[in-house]
Amino acid sequence: MTIEMKMDQRYEQGKNEGEQNRDRELIAKWLQKGKTIAEIAEDLDRSEEYVKNLM
C-alpha cells in the first residue's frame, strides 16, 4: 500500500468519524426536543438502525 493510499484511507476514516459525531450531536438534540427515532432517521436520511447504534 502506498503512502497516498494510506493517507486517503485515514482521510476517509476521519471524515466518517466526523459525520458520526455530528449525527450523535443532532440525535441527542432532537431526542431532547421530543423527536422519535423514526423522525430522526428520516431527517438524517439514514436507517433507524443507524440512529439506534449512535445513541
N, C-alpha and C. Protein backbone atom coordinates (compact mmCIF):
# COMPACT_ATOMS: atom_id res chain seq x y z
N MET A 1 0.85 -1.18 0.00
CA MET A 1 0.00 0.00 0.00
C MET A 1 0.89 1.24 0.00
N THR A 2 0.58 2.16 -0.88
CA THR A 2 1.40 3.36 -0.97
C THR A 2 1.02 4.36 0.12
N ILE A 3 1.88 5.32 0.31
CA ILE A 3 1.62 6.37 1.30
C ILE A 3 0.36 7.14 0.94
N GLU A 4 0.17 7.40 -0.35
CA GLU A 4 -1.02 8.12 -0.79
C GLU A 4 -2.30 7.35 -0.45
N MET A 5 -2.26 6.04 -0.63
CA MET A 5 -3.43 5.21 -0.32
C MET A 5 -3.72 5.23 1.18
N LYS A 6 -2.67 5.18 1.98
CA LYS A 6 -2.85 5.24 3.43
C LYS A 6 -3.42 6.59 3.85
N MET A 7 -2.94 7.66 3.24
CA MET A 7 -3.45 8.99 3.56
C MET A 7 -4.92 9.11 3.17
N ASP A 8 -5.28 8.58 2.01
CA ASP A 8 -6.67 8.61 1.57
C ASP A 8 -7.55 7.83 2.53
N GLN A 9 -7.06 6.67 2.97
CA GLN A 9 -7.82 5.83 3.89
C GLN A 9 -8.04 6.55 5.22
N ARG A 10 -7.00 7.18 5.74
CA ARG A 10 -7.12 7.93 7.00
C ARG A 10 -8.05 9.12 6.85
N TYR A 11 -8.00 9.77 5.70
CA TYR A 11 -8.89 10.90 5.44
C TYR A 11 -10.34 10.44 5.48
N GLU A 12 -10.63 9.34 4.81
CA GLU A 12 -12.00 8.81 4.78
C GLU A 12 -12.46 8.39 6.17
N GLN A 13 -11.56 7.79 6.96
CA GLN A 13 -11.91 7.40 8.33
C GLN A 13 -12.25 8.64 9.15
N GLY A 14 -11.46 9.66 9.03
CA GLY A 14 -11.70 10.90 9.76
C GLY A 14 -12.99 11.56 9.33
N LYS A 15 -13.26 11.53 8.06
CA LYS A 15 -14.49 12.10 7.52
C LYS A 15 -15.70 11.36 8.08
N ASN A 16 -15.64 10.03 8.07
CA ASN A 16 -16.75 9.21 8.58
C ASN A 16 -16.95 9.43 10.07
N GLU A 17 -15.85 9.51 10.82
CA GLU A 17 -15.96 9.75 12.26
C GLU A 17 -16.55 11.13 12.54
N GLY A 18 -16.17 12.10 11.74
CA GLY A 18 -16.72 13.45 11.89
C GLY A 18 -18.21 13.49 11.62
N GLU A 19 -18.65 12.77 10.59
CA GLU A 19 -20.07 12.71 10.27
C GLU A 19 -20.84 12.02 11.40
N GLN A 20 -20.28 10.96 11.94
CA GLN A 20 -20.96 10.24 13.02
C GLN A 20 -21.03 11.11 14.27
N ASN A 21 -19.98 11.86 14.57
CA ASN A 21 -20.01 12.75 15.74
C ASN A 21 -21.07 13.83 15.57
N ARG A 22 -21.17 14.38 14.38
CA ARG A 22 -22.20 15.38 14.09
C ARG A 22 -23.58 14.77 14.25
N ASP A 23 -23.75 13.56 13.70
CA ASP A 23 -25.05 12.89 13.81
C ASP A 23 -25.39 12.59 15.27
N ARG A 24 -24.41 12.18 16.07
CA ARG A 24 -24.66 11.92 17.50
C ARG A 24 -25.17 13.19 18.20
N GLU A 25 -24.55 14.31 17.90
CA GLU A 25 -24.97 15.58 18.49
C GLU A 25 -26.40 15.94 18.07
N LEU A 26 -26.69 15.76 16.79
CA LEU A 26 -28.04 16.06 16.31
C LEU A 26 -29.07 15.13 16.93
N ILE A 27 -28.74 13.85 17.02
CA ILE A 27 -29.65 12.88 17.61
C ILE A 27 -29.97 13.26 19.04
N ALA A 28 -28.96 13.58 19.82
CA ALA A 28 -29.17 13.96 21.23
C ALA A 28 -30.05 15.20 21.31
N LYS A 29 -29.76 16.17 20.48
CA LYS A 29 -30.53 17.43 20.48
C LYS A 29 -31.99 17.17 20.12
N TRP A 30 -32.21 16.37 19.08
CA TRP A 30 -33.57 16.11 18.63
C TRP A 30 -34.34 15.23 19.61
N LEU A 31 -33.65 14.28 20.27
CA LEU A 31 -34.32 13.47 21.28
C LEU A 31 -34.80 14.34 22.44
N GLN A 32 -33.98 15.32 22.82
CA GLN A 32 -34.37 16.23 23.89
C GLN A 32 -35.59 17.06 23.50
N LYS A 33 -35.73 17.32 22.21
CA LYS A 33 -36.87 18.10 21.73
C LYS A 33 -38.10 17.22 21.51
N GLY A 34 -37.96 15.90 21.73
CA GLY A 34 -39.10 15.02 21.64
C GLY A 34 -39.32 14.32 20.32
N LYS A 35 -38.35 14.37 19.42
CA LYS A 35 -38.49 13.66 18.15
C LYS A 35 -38.35 12.16 18.37
N THR A 36 -39.02 11.39 17.53
CA THR A 36 -38.91 9.94 17.59
C THR A 36 -37.70 9.47 16.78
N ILE A 37 -37.31 8.23 17.01
CA ILE A 37 -36.20 7.66 16.26
C ILE A 37 -36.52 7.65 14.77
N ALA A 38 -37.76 7.33 14.43
CA ALA A 38 -38.16 7.31 13.02
C ALA A 38 -38.04 8.69 12.38
N GLU A 39 -38.45 9.73 13.11
CA GLU A 39 -38.35 11.10 12.58
C GLU A 39 -36.89 11.51 12.41
N ILE A 40 -36.07 11.14 13.38
CA ILE A 40 -34.64 11.49 13.30
C ILE A 40 -34.00 10.78 12.12
N ALA A 41 -34.31 9.49 11.96
CA ALA A 41 -33.75 8.73 10.83
C ALA A 41 -34.14 9.37 9.51
N GLU A 42 -35.38 9.80 9.41
CA GLU A 42 -35.84 10.45 8.18
C GLU A 42 -35.10 11.77 7.95
N ASP A 43 -34.95 12.56 9.01
CA ASP A 43 -34.24 13.84 8.89
C ASP A 43 -32.78 13.65 8.47
N LEU A 44 -32.14 12.60 8.98
CA LEU A 44 -30.75 12.33 8.64
C LEU A 44 -30.60 11.56 7.33
N ASP A 45 -31.72 11.09 6.80
CA ASP A 45 -31.72 10.24 5.61
C ASP A 45 -30.89 8.98 5.85
N ARG A 46 -31.11 8.41 7.03
CA ARG A 46 -30.43 7.18 7.45
C ARG A 46 -31.46 6.19 7.96
N SER A 47 -31.03 4.98 8.25
CA SER A 47 -31.95 3.98 8.78
C SER A 47 -32.15 4.18 10.29
N GLU A 48 -33.22 3.61 10.78
CA GLU A 48 -33.47 3.67 12.22
C GLU A 48 -32.37 2.91 12.96
N GLU A 49 -31.87 1.85 12.37
CA GLU A 49 -30.80 1.06 12.98
C GLU A 49 -29.53 1.92 13.16
N TYR A 50 -29.22 2.74 12.16
CA TYR A 50 -28.07 3.65 12.24
C TYR A 50 -28.25 4.60 13.42
N VAL A 51 -29.43 5.17 13.54
CA VAL A 51 -29.71 6.11 14.64
C VAL A 51 -29.57 5.41 15.98
N LYS A 52 -30.14 4.22 16.10
CA LYS A 52 -30.07 3.47 17.35
C LYS A 52 -28.62 3.13 17.73
N ASN A 53 -27.82 2.80 16.74
CA ASN A 53 -26.40 2.47 17.01
C ASN A 53 -25.62 3.67 17.51
N LEU A 54 -25.99 4.86 17.09
CA LEU A 54 -25.27 6.06 17.52
C LEU A 54 -25.75 6.61 18.85
N MET A 55 -26.92 6.15 19.29
CA MET A 55 -27.47 6.65 20.55
C MET A 55 -26.67 6.15 21.75
